[in-house]
Amino acid sequence: MNGASREALAAARERLDALTDATSVDAGALADELAAVTALLDREVSLRRVLTDPAQSGEAKADLVQRLLGGQIGGSAADLVSGMVRARWSQSRDLVDALEELANTADLTAAQRAGTLDDVEDELFRFGRIVASNTGLRAALTDRKATTAAKGELLRSLLGGRAAQATERLVTRLVTAPRGRSLEAGLESLSKLAADRRDRVVAVVTSAVPLSDGQKQRLGAALAKLYGRQMHLNLEVDPAVVGGIRVQVGDEVINGSLADRLEDAERRLAG
């Protein structure tokens, strides 16, 4: 992607990250819904052209999404797609490619929550090596005459109970809906997406007042230096944090708030 599509995809990734950072969101269900929208727009060329038509207002396109999909998918997925069609896309196909990436990312997020993301990355790599070394298997998985059900059953026999759930879901979607890509290219793309997700670290930052852009940049840079990895800041505002900030990265909490320091002082005095 380039130009407007690259910017639209970057914004959609940020919205997905913000959405899936909330543990109340079922990332696996969200992946299914985004995959269903991907399949719909891949099939309905006229619809995706309408949804990416720069002559139409973003709000009009978002309203159309809500009318068509509001009762078919969950509110989170519908809102995410509505936000995407408000953006400008260089080509109508770019919207479908972006939706597919978000669906895959949501599945990888579900794996990350389940503690199986490293397994998924390894399994995708090993499955690619198996396919590359077995021409018969590759032929069966890429046979255009074979039905979706037949390919799905073959994959269940190969991966069911032997691989992480996310691996099976990702590979099944790739094989049954390749969208013009080779199997090797699709697996390589999934492996890269898994690696990017594994290297992403989320820091939950709580402050008494909203942080300025400069403060967010300095904090992000400091945390990246501290942990040696790129950081995604999930920002929360809580007036109870009297001063400073509170940062949580995984199970580790960095307390820099005045309220926390007062509590520590009171505990020491009481002891």
Protein backbone atom coordinates (compact mmCIF):
# COMPACT_ATOMS: atom_id res chain seq x y z
CA MET A 1 0.00 0.00 0.00
CA ASN A 2 1.06 3.58 -0.48
CA GLY A 3 -0.17 7.10 0.05
CA ALA A 4 -3.62 7.44 1.52
CA SER A 5 -4.07 3.69 2.01
CA ARG A 6 -0.93 3.42 4.12
CA GLU A 7 -2.16 6.20 6.40
CA ALA A 8 -5.64 4.68 6.62
CA LEU A 9 -4.20 1.28 7.54
CA ALA A 10 -1.95 2.79 10.22
CA ALA A 11 -4.97 4.51 11.79
CA ALA A 12 -7.00 1.28 11.64
CA ARG A 13 -4.20 -0.64 13.35
CA GLU A 14 -4.16 1.89 16.17
CA ARG A 15 -7.93 1.63 16.60
CA LEU A 16 -7.72 -2.16 16.68
CA ASP A 17 -4.93 -2.04 19.26
CA ALA A 18 -6.93 0.33 21.46
CA LEU A 19 -9.97 -1.92 21.11
CA THR A 20 -8.23 -5.22 21.84
CA ASP A 21 -6.23 -3.76 24.73
CA ALA A 22 -9.54 -3.88 26.60
CA THR A 23 -9.77 -7.38 28.05
CA SER A 24 -13.56 -7.26 27.80
CA VAL A 25 -13.30 -7.53 24.01
CA ASP A 26 -13.32 -11.11 22.65
CA ALA A 27 -10.45 -10.87 20.16
CA GLY A 28 -11.26 -14.26 18.59
CA ALA A 29 -14.88 -13.30 17.94
CA LEU A 30 -13.74 -9.96 16.55
CA ALA A 31 -11.39 -11.80 14.18
CA ASP A 32 -14.28 -13.93 12.89
CA GLU A 33 -16.44 -10.87 12.26
CA LEU A 34 -13.69 -8.94 10.47
CA ALA A 35 -12.94 -12.04 8.37
CA ALA A 36 -16.62 -12.25 7.40
CA VAL A 37 -16.59 -8.60 6.27
CA THR A 38 -13.37 -9.28 4.34
CA ALA A 39 -15.04 -12.15 2.49
CA LEU A 40 -18.12 -10.02 1.75
CA LEU A 41 -16.16 -7.10 0.29
CA ASP A 42 -13.82 -9.41 -1.62
CA ARG A 43 -16.89 -10.95 -3.24
CA GLU A 44 -18.99 -7.79 -3.72
CA VAL A 45 -16.82 -5.56 -5.89
CA SER A 46 -19.49 -2.90 -6.38
CA LEU A 47 -20.02 -2.54 -2.64
CA ARG A 48 -16.34 -2.07 -1.84
CA ARG A 49 -16.11 0.54 -4.61
CA VAL A 50 -18.97 2.46 -3.01
CA LEU A 51 -17.32 2.23 0.41
CA THR A 52 -14.03 3.60 -0.95
CA ASP A 53 -15.51 6.20 -3.32
CA PRO A 54 -13.76 9.52 -2.53
CA ALA A 55 -16.75 11.39 -3.96
CA GLN A 56 -18.92 10.10 -1.10
CA SER A 57 -18.67 11.61 2.37
CA GLY A 58 -17.12 9.53 5.12
CA GLU A 59 -20.25 9.78 7.22
CA ALA A 60 -22.46 8.55 4.38
CA LYS A 61 -20.23 5.52 3.91
CA ALA A 62 -20.12 4.83 7.65
CA ASP A 63 -23.93 5.03 7.80
CA LEU A 64 -24.12 2.50 4.96
CA VAL A 65 -21.86 0.11 6.89
CA GLN A 66 -24.06 0.40 9.96
CA ARG A 67 -27.21 -0.25 7.93
CA LEU A 68 -25.74 -3.26 6.13
CA LEU A 69 -23.69 -4.83 8.90
CA GLY A 70 -25.02 -3.46 12.17
CA GLY A 71 -27.27 -6.43 12.76
CA GLN A 72 -24.84 -8.99 11.35
CA ILE A 73 -21.69 -8.32 13.38
CA GLY A 74 -20.95 -6.99 16.84
CA GLY A 75 -20.86 -3.31 17.67
CA SER A 76 -17.08 -3.20 18.08
CA ALA A 77 -16.47 -4.72 14.64
CA ALA A 78 -19.11 -2.48 13.02
CA ASP A 79 -17.58 0.63 14.58
CA LEU A 80 -14.10 -0.42 13.46
CA VAL A 81 -15.24 -0.96 9.85
CA SER A 82 -17.18 2.33 9.94
CA GLY A 83 -14.01 4.14 10.96
CA MET A 84 -12.09 2.50 8.13
CA VAL A 85 -14.56 3.55 5.41
CA ARG A 86 -14.42 7.13 6.66
CA ALA A 87 -10.75 7.16 5.65
CA ARG A 88 -9.43 7.63 2.14
CA TRP A 89 -8.09 4.58 0.27
CA SER A 90 -5.91 4.70 -2.85
CA GLN A 91 -7.54 1.55 -4.24
CA SER A 92 -10.75 -0.22 -3.26
CA ARG A 93 -8.87 -3.50 -2.84
CA ASP A 94 -6.65 -1.91 -0.19
CA LEU A 95 -9.63 -1.72 2.16
CA VAL A 96 -10.16 -5.48 1.85
CA ASP A 97 -6.46 -6.19 2.37
CA ALA A 98 -6.51 -4.02 5.49
CA LEU A 99 -9.58 -5.78 6.89
CA GLU A 100 -7.92 -9.15 6.34
CA GLU A 101 -4.80 -7.99 8.19
CA LEU A 102 -6.88 -6.73 11.11
CA ALA A 103 -8.75 -10.05 11.30
CA ASN A 104 -5.46 -11.92 11.44
CA THR A 105 -4.05 -9.50 14.00
CA ALA A 106 -7.11 -9.99 16.20
CA ASP A 107 -6.54 -13.77 16.14
CA LEU A 108 -2.89 -13.23 17.05
CA THR A 109 -3.97 -10.97 19.90
CA ALA A 110 -6.21 -13.77 21.17
CA ALA A 111 -3.19 -16.09 21.04
CA GLN A 112 -1.11 -13.53 22.91
CA ARG A 113 -3.70 -13.39 25.68
CA ALA A 114 -3.76 -17.19 25.84
CA GLY A 115 0.03 -17.31 26.12
CA THR A 116 0.41 -19.24 22.84
CA LEU A 117 1.74 -16.53 20.52
CA ASP A 118 5.28 -17.94 20.47
CA ASP A 119 3.82 -21.36 19.59
CA VAL A 120 1.77 -19.83 16.76
CA GLU A 121 4.82 -18.13 15.27
CA ASP A 122 6.80 -21.38 15.42
CA GLU A 123 3.92 -23.47 14.01
CA LEU A 124 3.39 -21.13 11.07
CA PHE A 125 7.08 -21.43 10.21
CA ARG A 126 7.09 -25.22 10.52
CA PHE A 127 3.88 -25.59 8.52
CA GLY A 128 5.46 -23.55 5.74
CA ARG A 129 8.49 -25.83 5.72
CA ILE A 130 6.26 -28.92 5.59
CA VAL A 131 4.29 -27.53 2.65
CA ALA A 132 7.48 -26.58 0.82
CA SER A 133 8.85 -30.12 1.17
CA ASN A 134 5.63 -31.98 0.33
CA THR A 135 4.43 -31.31 -3.21
CA GLY A 136 1.40 -33.56 -2.79
CA LEU A 137 0.19 -31.67 0.25
CA ARG A 138 0.76 -28.33 -1.43
CA ALA A 139 -1.19 -29.48 -4.47
CA ALA A 140 -4.11 -30.61 -2.31
CA LEU A 141 -4.21 -27.33 -0.38
CA THR A 142 -4.04 -25.16 -3.51
CA ASP A 143 -6.31 -27.25 -5.77
CA ARG A 144 -8.88 -24.85 -7.22
CA LYS A 145 -11.27 -27.71 -7.89
CA ALA A 146 -11.30 -28.85 -4.26
CA THR A 147 -14.15 -27.52 -2.11
CA THR A 148 -13.66 -25.29 0.88
CA ALA A 149 -15.07 -28.04 3.10
CA ALA A 150 -12.57 -30.59 1.75
CA LYS A 151 -9.62 -28.27 2.37
CA GLY A 152 -10.90 -27.44 5.84
CA GLU A 153 -11.22 -31.13 6.70
CA LEU A 154 -7.69 -31.79 5.45
CA LEU A 155 -6.33 -29.00 7.64
CA ARG A 156 -8.24 -30.28 10.67
CA SER A 157 -6.66 -33.70 10.16
CA LEU A 158 -3.22 -32.07 9.99
CA LEU A 159 -3.51 -29.40 12.68
CA GLY A 160 -6.46 -30.27 14.89
CA GLY A 161 -5.21 -30.97 18.40
CA ARG A 162 -1.59 -30.60 17.24
CA ALA A 163 -1.39 -26.82 16.85
CA ALA A 164 -2.63 -23.76 18.69
CA GLN A 165 -6.19 -22.76 17.91
CA ALA A 166 -5.05 -19.49 16.37
CA THR A 167 -2.66 -21.33 14.05
CA GLU A 168 -5.44 -23.55 12.75
CA ARG A 169 -7.77 -20.59 12.24
CA LEU A 170 -5.17 -18.49 10.44
CA VAL A 171 -4.01 -21.27 8.14
CA THR A 172 -7.58 -22.37 7.38
CA ARG A 173 -8.58 -18.85 6.34
CA LEU A 174 -5.49 -18.55 4.17
CA VAL A 175 -6.04 -21.87 2.41
CA THR A 176 -9.79 -21.52 1.91
CA ALA A 177 -9.65 -17.84 0.87
CA PRO A 178 -6.21 -17.19 -0.65
CA ARG A 179 -7.40 -14.08 -2.51
CA GLY A 180 -4.93 -14.56 -5.34
CA ARG A 181 -1.82 -15.15 -3.22
CA SER A 182 0.42 -18.16 -3.27
CA LEU A 183 0.33 -20.32 -0.16
CA GLU A 184 3.98 -19.54 0.52
CA ALA A 185 3.42 -15.77 0.30
CA GLY A 186 0.42 -15.99 2.60
CA LEU A 187 2.28 -18.01 5.23
CA GLU A 188 5.22 -15.60 5.07
CA SER A 189 2.86 -12.67 5.63
CA LEU A 190 1.25 -14.39 8.63
CA SER A 191 4.66 -15.22 10.12
CA LYS A 192 5.72 -11.57 9.86
CA LEU A 193 2.47 -10.42 11.46
CA ALA A 194 3.01 -12.86 14.34
CA ALA A 195 6.59 -11.65 14.83
CA ASP A 196 5.45 -8.01 14.88
CA ARG A 197 2.78 -8.84 17.46
CA ARG A 198 5.24 -10.74 19.66
CA ASP A 199 7.60 -7.76 19.73
CA ARG A 200 4.84 -5.36 20.76
CA VAL A 201 4.74 -4.42 24.43
CA VAL A 202 1.77 -2.63 25.97
CA ALA A 203 2.24 -0.14 28.80
CA VAL A 204 -0.89 0.93 30.69
CA VAL A 205 -0.25 4.53 31.75
CA THR A 206 -2.52 6.13 34.35
CA SER A 207 -2.26 9.85 35.03
CA ALA A 208 -4.33 12.42 36.89
CA VAL A 209 -4.72 14.56 33.76
CA PRO A 210 -4.28 13.79 30.04
CA LEU A 211 -0.66 13.74 28.92
CA SER A 212 0.50 16.14 26.23
CA ASP A 213 1.88 14.81 22.94
CA GLY A 214 5.38 15.73 24.08
CA GLN A 215 4.95 13.90 27.37
CA LYS A 216 3.66 10.81 25.58
CA GLN A 217 6.61 10.81 23.19
CA ARG A 218 9.16 11.22 26.00
CA LEU A 219 7.51 8.52 28.10
CA GLY A 220 7.33 6.13 25.15
CA ALA A 221 11.00 6.69 24.35
CA ALA A 222 12.03 6.20 27.99
CA LEU A 223 10.07 2.97 28.32
CA ALA A 224 11.40 1.66 24.99
CA LYS A 225 14.94 2.30 26.23
CA LEU A 226 14.18 0.65 29.57
CA TYR A 227 12.62 -2.51 28.10
CA GLY A 228 14.58 -2.62 24.84
CA ARG A 229 11.40 -3.00 22.78
CA GLN A 230 8.89 -0.76 21.05
CA MET A 231 6.12 0.29 23.42
CA HIS A 232 2.42 0.91 22.82
CA LEU A 233 0.95 3.30 25.39
CA ASN A 234 -2.58 2.59 26.57
CA LEU A 235 -3.51 5.85 28.29
CA GLU A 236 -5.99 6.19 31.15
CA VAL A 237 -6.97 9.23 33.21
CA ASP A 238 -7.75 8.79 36.91
CA PRO A 239 -8.06 11.89 39.14
CA ALA A 240 -7.15 9.70 42.12
CA VAL A 241 -3.56 9.76 40.86
CA VAL A 242 -2.67 12.97 42.66
CA GLY A 243 0.58 13.64 40.85
CA GLY A 244 2.93 11.95 38.43
CA ILE A 245 1.97 8.75 36.65
CA ARG A 246 1.54 5.03 37.19
CA VAL A 247 2.85 2.65 34.52
CA GLN A 248 2.09 -1.06 34.28
CA VAL A 249 3.91 -3.31 31.81
CA GLY A 250 2.65 -6.86 32.10
CA ASP A 251 2.83 -7.78 35.79
CA GLU A 252 5.37 -5.07 36.57
CA VAL A 253 4.16 -1.77 38.02
CA ILE A 254 6.22 1.40 38.05
CA ASN A 255 4.73 3.78 40.60
CA GLY A 256 5.53 7.42 40.09
CA SER A 257 2.38 8.94 41.54
CA LEU A 258 2.18 11.20 44.57
CA ALA A 259 -0.73 9.16 45.91
CA ASP A 260 1.38 5.99 45.88
CA ARG A 261 4.26 7.76 47.61
CA LEU A 262 1.91 9.06 50.32
CA GLU A 263 0.52 5.57 50.87
CA ASP A 264 4.06 4.17 51.19
CA ALA A 265 4.92 6.89 53.74
CA GLU A 266 1.79 6.17 55.77
CA ARG A 267 2.62 2.43 55.82
CA ARG A 268 6.13 3.15 57.05
CA LEU A 269 4.84 5.44 59.79
CA ALA A 270 2.22 2.89 60.85
CA GLY A 271 4.87 0.19 60.97
